[in-house]
PDB file of all heavy atoms in Angstrom:
ATOM      1  N   ALA A   1      54.480  57.631  38.007  1.00  0.00           N
ATOM      2  CA  ALA A   1      54.618  58.469  36.808  1.00  0.00           C
ATOM      3  C   ALA A   1      53.933  59.804  37.053  1.00  0.00           C
ATOM      4  O   ALA A   1      53.214  59.982  38.050  1.00  0.00           O
ATOM      5  CB  ALA A   1      53.989  57.780  35.603  1.00  0.00           C
ATOM      6  N   ASN A   2      54.132  60.688  36.113  1.00  0.00           N
ATOM      7  CA  ASN A   2      53.356  61.922  36.067  1.00  0.00           C
ATOM      8  C   ASN A   2      52.116  61.626  35.207  1.00  0.00           C
ATOM      9  O   ASN A   2      52.250  61.128  34.086  1.00  0.00           O
ATOM     10  CB  ASN A   2      54.181  63.044  35.449  1.00  0.00           C
ATOM     11  CG  ASN A   2      53.737  64.406  35.910  1.00  0.00           C
ATOM     12  OD1 ASN A   2      52.914  64.546  36.814  1.00  0.00           O
ATOM     13  ND2 ASN A   2      54.265  65.429  35.279  1.00  0.00           N
ATOM     14  N   TYR A   3      50.952  61.907  35.754  1.00  0.00           N
ATOM     15  CA  TYR A   3      49.697  61.582  35.070  1.00  0.00           C
ATOM     16  C   TYR A   3      49.096  62.844  34.454  1.00  0.00           C
ATOM     17  O   TYR A   3      48.951  63.865  35.139  1.00  0.00           O
ATOM     18  CB  TYR A   3      48.715  60.951  36.045  1.00  0.00           C
ATOM     19  CG  TYR A   3      49.027  59.505  36.326  1.00  0.00           C
ATOM     20  CD1 TYR A   3      50.144  59.153  37.072  1.00  0.00           C
ATOM     21  CD2 TYR A   3      48.233  58.477  35.826  1.00  0.00           C
ATOM     22  CE1 TYR A   3      50.459  57.817  37.322  1.00  0.00           C
ATOM     23  CE2 TYR A   3      48.524  57.151  36.066  1.00  0.00           C
ATOM     24  CZ  TYR A   3      49.640  56.827  36.816  1.00  0.00           C
ATOM     25  OH  TYR A   3      49.953  55.505  37.042  1.00  0.00           O
ATOM     26  N   TYR A   4      48.730  62.738  33.180  1.00  0.00           N
ATOM     27  CA  TYR A   4      48.197  63.861  32.429  1.00  0.00           C
ATOM     28  C   TYR A   4      46.763  63.597  31.985  1.00  0.00           C
ATOM     29  O   TYR A   4      46.444  62.518  31.495  1.00  0.00           O
ATOM     30  CB  TYR A   4      49.039  64.115  31.185  1.00  0.00           C
ATOM     31  CG  TYR A   4      50.461  64.517  31.473  1.00  0.00           C
ATOM     32  CD1 TYR A   4      51.451  63.560  31.628  1.00  0.00           C
ATOM     33  CD2 TYR A   4      50.814  65.860  31.600  1.00  0.00           C
ATOM     34  CE1 TYR A   4      52.759  63.923  31.894  1.00  0.00           C
ATOM     35  CE2 TYR A   4      52.118  66.237  31.862  1.00  0.00           C
ATOM     36  CZ  TYR A   4      53.084  65.259  32.010  1.00  0.00           C
ATOM     37  OH  TYR A   4      54.379  65.628  32.285  1.00  0.00           O
ATOM     38  N   CYS A   5      45.951  64.622  32.111  1.00  0.00           N
ATOM     39  CA  CYS A   5      44.590  64.614  31.597  1.00  0.00           C
ATOM     40  C   CYS A   5      44.615  65.239  30.204  1.00  0.00           C
ATOM     41  O   CYS A   5      45.370  66.188  29.954  1.00  0.00           O
ATOM     42  CB  CYS A   5      43.721  65.428  32.556  1.00  0.00           C
ATOM     43  SG  CYS A   5      42.047  65.705  32.007  1.00  0.00           S
ATOM     44  N   ALA A   6      43.781  64.712  29.301  1.00  0.00           N
ATOM     45  CA  ALA A   6      43.763  65.216  27.936  1.00  0.00           C
ATOM     46  C   ALA A   6      42.338  65.242  27.388  1.00  0.00           C
ATOM     47  O   ALA A   6      41.519  64.382  27.737  1.00  0.00           O
ATOM     48  CB  ALA A   6      44.648  64.362  27.040  1.00  0.00           C
ATOM     49  N   ALA A   7      42.079  66.205  26.518  1.00  0.00           N
ATOM     50  CA  ALA A   7      40.784  66.310  25.848  1.00  0.00           C
ATOM     51  C   ALA A   7      40.988  66.230  24.344  1.00  0.00           C
ATOM     52  O   ALA A   7      41.986  66.735  23.814  1.00  0.00           O
ATOM     53  CB  ALA A   7      40.097  67.622  26.217  1.00  0.00           C
ATOM     54  N   SER A   8      40.033  65.610  23.660  1.00  0.00           N
ATOM     55  CA  SER A   8      40.152  65.417  22.220  1.00  0.00           C
ATOM     56  C   SER A   8      40.189  66.754  21.473  1.00  0.00           C
ATOM     57  O   SER A   8      39.697  67.765  21.946  1.00  0.00           O
ATOM     58  CB  SER A   8      38.989  64.585  21.708  1.00  0.00           C
ATOM     59  OG  SER A   8      37.754  65.208  22.021  1.00  0.00           O
ATOM     60  N   GLY A   9      40.781  66.718  20.279  1.00  0.00           N
ATOM     61  CA  GLY A   9      40.879  67.945  19.495  1.00  0.00           C
ATOM     62  C   GLY A   9      39.576  68.316  18.818  1.00  0.00           C
ATOM     63  O   GLY A   9      39.368  69.465  18.446  1.00  0.00           O
ATOM     64  N   ARG A  10      38.689  67.342  18.649  1.00  0.00           N
ATOM     65  CA  ARG A  10      37.410  67.584  17.989  1.00  0.00           C
ATOM     66  C   ARG A  10      36.274  67.404  18.981  1.00  0.00           C
ATOM     67  O   ARG A  10      36.392  66.676  19.956  1.00  0.00           O
ATOM     68  CB  ARG A  10      37.220  66.609  16.823  1.00  0.00           C
ATOM     69  CG  ARG A  10      38.225  66.759  15.702  1.00  0.00           C
ATOM     70  CD  ARG A  10      37.931  65.801  14.574  1.00  0.00           C
ATOM     71  NE  ARG A  10      38.844  65.984  13.440  1.00  0.00           N
ATOM     72  CZ  ARG A  10      38.787  65.288  12.316  1.00  0.00           C
ATOM     73  NH1 ARG A  10      37.856  64.373  12.167  1.00  0.00           N
ATOM     74  NH2 ARG A  10      39.648  65.510  11.345  1.00  0.00           N
ATOM     75  N   THR A  11      35.165  68.035  18.669  1.00  0.00           N
ATOM     76  CA  THR A  11      33.974  67.841  19.482  1.00  0.00           C
ATOM     77  C   THR A  11      33.153  66.688  18.914  1.00  0.00           C
ATOM     78  O   THR A  11      33.155  66.449  17.705  1.00  0.00           O
ATOM     79  CB  THR A  11      33.116  69.107  19.525  1.00  0.00           C
ATOM     80  OG1 THR A  11      32.792  69.483  18.186  1.00  0.00           O
ATOM     81  CG2 THR A  11      33.861  70.256  20.196  1.00  0.00           C
ATOM     82  N   TYR A  12      32.511  65.962  19.788  1.00  0.00           N
ATOM     83  CA  TYR A  12      31.686  64.810  19.435  1.00  0.00           C
ATOM     84  C   TYR A  12      32.398  63.837  18.498  1.00  0.00           C
ATOM     85  O   TYR A  12      31.837  63.425  17.471  1.00  0.00           O
ATOM     86  CB  TYR A  12      30.367  65.256  18.819  1.00  0.00           C
ATOM     87  CG  TYR A  12      29.575  66.189  19.711  1.00  0.00           C
ATOM     88  CD1 TYR A  12      29.457  67.537  19.397  1.00  0.00           C
ATOM     89  CD2 TYR A  12      28.955  65.729  20.859  1.00  0.00           C
ATOM     90  CE1 TYR A  12      28.746  68.397  20.231  1.00  0.00           C
ATOM     91  CE2 TYR A  12      28.242  66.573  21.692  1.00  0.00           C
ATOM     92  CZ  TYR A  12      28.148  67.913  21.371  1.00  0.00           C
ATOM     93  OH  TYR A  12      27.443  68.759  22.182  1.00  0.00           O
ATOM     94  N   PRO A  13      33.630  63.448  18.803  1.00  0.00           N
ATOM     95  CA  PRO A  13      34.330  62.517  17.938  1.00  0.00           C
ATOM     96  C   PRO A  13      33.708  61.121  17.972  1.00  0.00           C
ATOM     97  O   PRO A  13      33.233  60.675  19.013  1.00  0.00           O
ATOM     98  CB  PRO A  13      35.753  62.505  18.501  1.00  0.00           C
ATOM     99  CG  PRO A  13      35.607  62.916  19.918  1.00  0.00           C
ATOM    100  CD  PRO A  13      34.434  63.830  19.971  1.00  0.00           C
ATOM    101  N   THR A  14      33.752  60.453  16.824  1.00  0.00           N
ATOM    102  CA  THR A  14      33.165  59.118  16.733  1.00  0.00           C
ATOM    103  C   THR A  14      34.055  58.079  17.401  1.00  0.00           C
ATOM    104  O   THR A  14      33.581  57.180  18.093  1.00  0.00           O
ATOM    105  CB  THR A  14      32.938  58.737  15.264  1.00  0.00           C
ATOM    106  OG1 THR A  14      32.095  59.714  14.668  1.00  0.00           O
ATOM    107  CG2 THR A  14      32.317  57.356  15.154  1.00  0.00           C
ATOM    108  N   MET A  15      35.364  58.212  17.171  1.00  0.00           N
ATOM    109  CA  MET A  15      36.306  57.242  17.708  1.00  0.00           C
ATOM    110  C   MET A  15      36.972  57.792  18.968  1.00  0.00           C
ATOM    111  O   MET A  15      37.225  58.991  19.084  1.00  0.00           O
ATOM    112  CB  MET A  15      37.372  56.911  16.668  1.00  0.00           C
ATOM    113  CG  MET A  15      36.840  56.215  15.432  1.00  0.00           C
ATOM    114  SD  MET A  15      38.150  55.733  14.315  1.00  0.00           S
ATOM    115  CE  MET A  15      39.048  54.570  15.339  1.00  0.00           C
ATOM    116  N   VAL A  16      37.275  56.878  19.888  1.00  0.00           N
ATOM    117  CA  VAL A  16      38.002  57.232  21.102  1.00  0.00           C
ATOM    118  C   VAL A  16      39.457  56.821  20.898  1.00  0.00           C
ATOM    119  O   VAL A  16      39.773  55.626  20.851  1.00  0.00           O
ATOM    120  CB  VAL A  16      37.413  56.537  22.342  1.00  0.00           C
ATOM    121  CG1 VAL A  16      38.213  56.914  23.583  1.00  0.00           C
ATOM    122  CG2 VAL A  16      35.945  56.900  22.510  1.00  0.00           C
ATOM    123  N   GLN A  17      40.323  57.798  20.745  1.00  0.00           N
ATOM    124  CA  GLN A  17      41.724  57.531  20.448  1.00  0.00           C
ATOM    125  C   GLN A  17      42.477  57.054  21.685  1.00  0.00           C
ATOM    126  O   GLN A  17      42.158  57.452  22.815  1.00  0.00           O
ATOM    127  CB  GLN A  17      42.378  58.799  19.893  1.00  0.00           C
ATOM    128  CG  GLN A  17      41.742  59.328  18.624  1.00  0.00           C
ATOM    129  CD  GLN A  17      41.985  58.438  17.432  1.00  0.00           C
ATOM    130  OE1 GLN A  17      42.912  57.623  17.451  1.00  0.00           O
ATOM    131  NE2 GLN A  17      41.194  58.600  16.396  1.00  0.00           N
ATOM    132  N   GLN A  18      43.505  56.242  21.448  1.00  0.00           N
ATOM    133  CA  GLN A  18      44.332  55.747  22.540  1.00  0.00           C
ATOM    134  C   GLN A  18      45.794  56.124  22.342  1.00  0.00           C
ATOM    135  O   GLN A  18      46.683  55.502  22.916  1.00  0.00           O
ATOM    136  CB  GLN A  18      44.164  54.227  22.675  1.00  0.00           C
ATOM    137  CG  GLN A  18      42.728  53.831  23.001  1.00  0.00           C
ATOM    138  CD  GLN A  18      42.539  52.345  23.188  1.00  0.00           C
ATOM    139  OE1 GLN A  18      43.427  51.638  23.659  1.00  0.00           O
ATOM    140  NE2 GLN A  18      41.367  51.851  22.804  1.00  0.00           N
ATOM    141  N   THR A  19      46.025  57.166  21.547  1.00  0.00           N
ATOM    142  CA  THR A  19      47.367  57.701  21.372  1.00  0.00           C
ATOM    143  C   THR A  19      47.342  59.203  21.633  1.00  0.00           C
ATOM    144  O   THR A  19      46.289  59.845  21.543  1.00  0.00           O
ATOM    145  CB  THR A  19      47.892  57.459  19.951  1.00  0.00           C
ATOM    146  OG1 THR A  19      47.091  58.200  19.025  1.00  0.00           O
ATOM    147  CG2 THR A  19      47.828  55.981  19.593  1.00  0.00           C
ATOM    148  N   THR A  20      48.510  59.754  21.904  1.00  0.00           N
ATOM    149  CA  THR A  20      48.583  61.186  22.188  1.00  0.00           C
ATOM    150  C   THR A  20      48.114  62.033  21.008  1.00  0.00           C
ATOM    151  O   THR A  20      47.628  63.143  21.203  1.00  0.00           O
ATOM    152  CB  THR A  20      50.013  61.586  22.572  1.00  0.00           C
ATOM    153  OG1 THR A  20      50.910  61.203  21.521  1.00  0.00           O
ATOM    154  CG2 THR A  20      50.458  60.901  23.865  1.00  0.00           C
ATOM    155  N   ALA A  21      48.229  61.496  19.806  1.00  0.00           N
ATOM    156  CA  ALA A  21      47.847  62.250  18.614  1.00  0.00           C
ATOM    157  C   ALA A  21      46.356  62.568  18.584  1.00  0.00           C
ATOM    158  O   ALA A  21      45.929  63.483  17.876  1.00  0.00           O
ATOM    159  CB  ALA A  21      48.244  61.478  17.359  1.00  0.00           C
ATOM    160  N   GLY A  22      45.572  61.828  19.327  1.00  0.00           N
ATOM    161  CA  GLY A  22      44.133  62.044  19.319  1.00  0.00           C
ATOM    162  C   GLY A  22      43.655  63.137  20.260  1.00  0.00           C
ATOM    163  O   GLY A  22      42.451  63.380  20.337  1.00  0.00           O
ATOM    164  N   TYR A  23      44.582  63.796  20.937  1.00  0.00           N
ATOM    165  CA  TYR A  23      44.213  64.772  21.956  1.00  0.00           C
ATOM    166  C   TYR A  23      44.963  66.070  21.743  1.00  0.00           C
ATOM    167  O   TYR A  23      46.178  66.077  21.551  1.00  0.00           O
ATOM    168  CB  TYR A  23      44.478  64.180  23.341  1.00  0.00           C
ATOM    169  CG  TYR A  23      43.627  62.947  23.549  1.00  0.00           C
ATOM    170  CD1 TYR A  23      44.068  61.700  23.133  1.00  0.00           C
ATOM    171  CD2 TYR A  23      42.348  63.055  24.076  1.00  0.00           C
ATOM    172  CE1 TYR A  23      43.252  60.578  23.257  1.00  0.00           C
ATOM    173  CE2 TYR A  23      41.530  61.943  24.210  1.00  0.00           C
ATOM    174  CZ  TYR A  23      41.991  60.706  23.790  1.00  0.00           C
ATOM    175  OH  TYR A  23      41.179  59.599  23.911  1.00  0.00           O
ATOM    176  N   ALA A  24      44.207  67.166  21.794  1.00  0.00           N
ATOM    177  CA  ALA A  24      44.792  68.466  21.496  1.00  0.00           C
ATOM    178  C   ALA A  24      45.017  69.315  22.746  1.00  0.00           C
ATOM    179  O   ALA A  24      45.816  70.244  22.717  1.00  0.00           O
ATOM    180  CB  ALA A  24      43.885  69.233  20.538  1.00  0.00           C
ATOM    181  N   TYR A  25      44.325  68.983  23.818  1.00  0.00           N
ATOM    182  CA  TYR A  25      44.402  69.800  25.025  1.00  0.00           C
ATOM    183  C   TYR A  25      44.937  68.943  26.161  1.00  0.00           C
ATOM    184  O   TYR A  25      44.476  67.818  26.378  1.00  0.00           O
ATOM    185  CB  TYR A  25      43.022  70.355  25.381  1.00  0.00           C
ATOM    186  CG  TYR A  25      42.392  71.124  24.249  1.00  0.00           C
ATOM    187  CD1 TYR A  25      41.356  70.572  23.502  1.00  0.00           C
ATOM    188  CD2 TYR A  25      42.856  72.388  23.908  1.00  0.00           C
ATOM    189  CE1 TYR A  25      40.791  71.268  22.446  1.00  0.00           C
ATOM    190  CE2 TYR A  25      42.295  73.095  22.860  1.00  0.00           C
ATOM    191  CZ  TYR A  25      41.266  72.529  22.135  1.00  0.00           C
ATOM    192  OH  TYR A  25      40.715  73.216  21.091  1.00  0.00           O
ATOM    193  N   TRP A  26      45.884  69.522  26.901  1.00  0.00           N
ATOM    194  CA  TRP A  26      46.575  68.767  27.943  1.00  0.00           C
ATOM    195  C   TRP A  26      46.697  69.601  29.211  1.00  0.00           C
ATOM    196  O   TRP A  26      46.895  70.821  29.166  1.00  0.00           O
ATOM    197  CB  TRP A  26      47.985  68.400  27.475  1.00  0.00           C
ATOM    198  CG  TRP A  26      47.989  67.439  26.338  1.00  0.00           C
ATOM    199  CD1 TRP A  26      47.870  67.729  25.005  1.00  0.00           C
ATOM    200  CD2 TRP A  26      48.092  66.022  26.417  1.00  0.00           C
ATOM    201  NE1 TRP A  26      47.910  66.584  24.253  1.00  0.00           N
ATOM    202  CE2 TRP A  26      48.038  65.514  25.110  1.00  0.00           C
ATOM    203  CE3 TRP A  26      48.235  65.120  27.472  1.00  0.00           C
ATOM    204  CZ2 TRP A  26      48.118  64.147  24.816  1.00  0.00           C
ATOM    205  CZ3 TRP A  26      48.320  63.762  27.194  1.00  0.00           C
ATOM    206  CH2 TRP A  26      48.254  63.293  25.876  1.00  0.00           C
ATOM    207  N   GLY A  27      46.617  68.906  30.348  1.00  0.00           N
ATOM    208  CA  GLY A  27      46.957  69.547  31.607  1.00  0.00           C
ATOM    209  C   GLY A  27      48.454  69.493  31.831  1.00  0.00           C
ATOM    210  O   GLY A  27      49.198  68.936  31.016  1.00  0.00           O
ATOM    211  N   LYS A  28      48.889  70.030  32.970  1.00  0.00           N
ATOM    212  CA  LYS A  28      50.315  70.056  33.278  1.00  0.00           C
ATOM    213  C   LYS A  28      50.781  68.817  34.024  1.00  0.00           C
ATOM    214  O   LYS A  28      51.989  68.630  34.209  1.00  0.00           O
ATOM    215  CB  LYS A  28      50.645  71.315  34.072  1.00  0.00           C
ATOM    216  CG  LYS A  28      50.441  72.597  33.269  1.00  0.00           C
ATOM    217  CD  LYS A  28      50.850  73.828  34.053  1.00  0.00           C
ATOM    218  CE  LYS A  28      50.682  75.083  33.195  1.00  0.00           C
ATOM    219  NZ  LYS A  28      51.090  76.312  33.932  1.00  0.00           N
TER     220      LYS A  28
END
């Protein structure tokens, strides 16, 4: 597959999301 790195949309989030909706920043 193509593997993507992602960072959360918020700083110091309490929960660690496991869906794309939890991440606002993406690599190529």
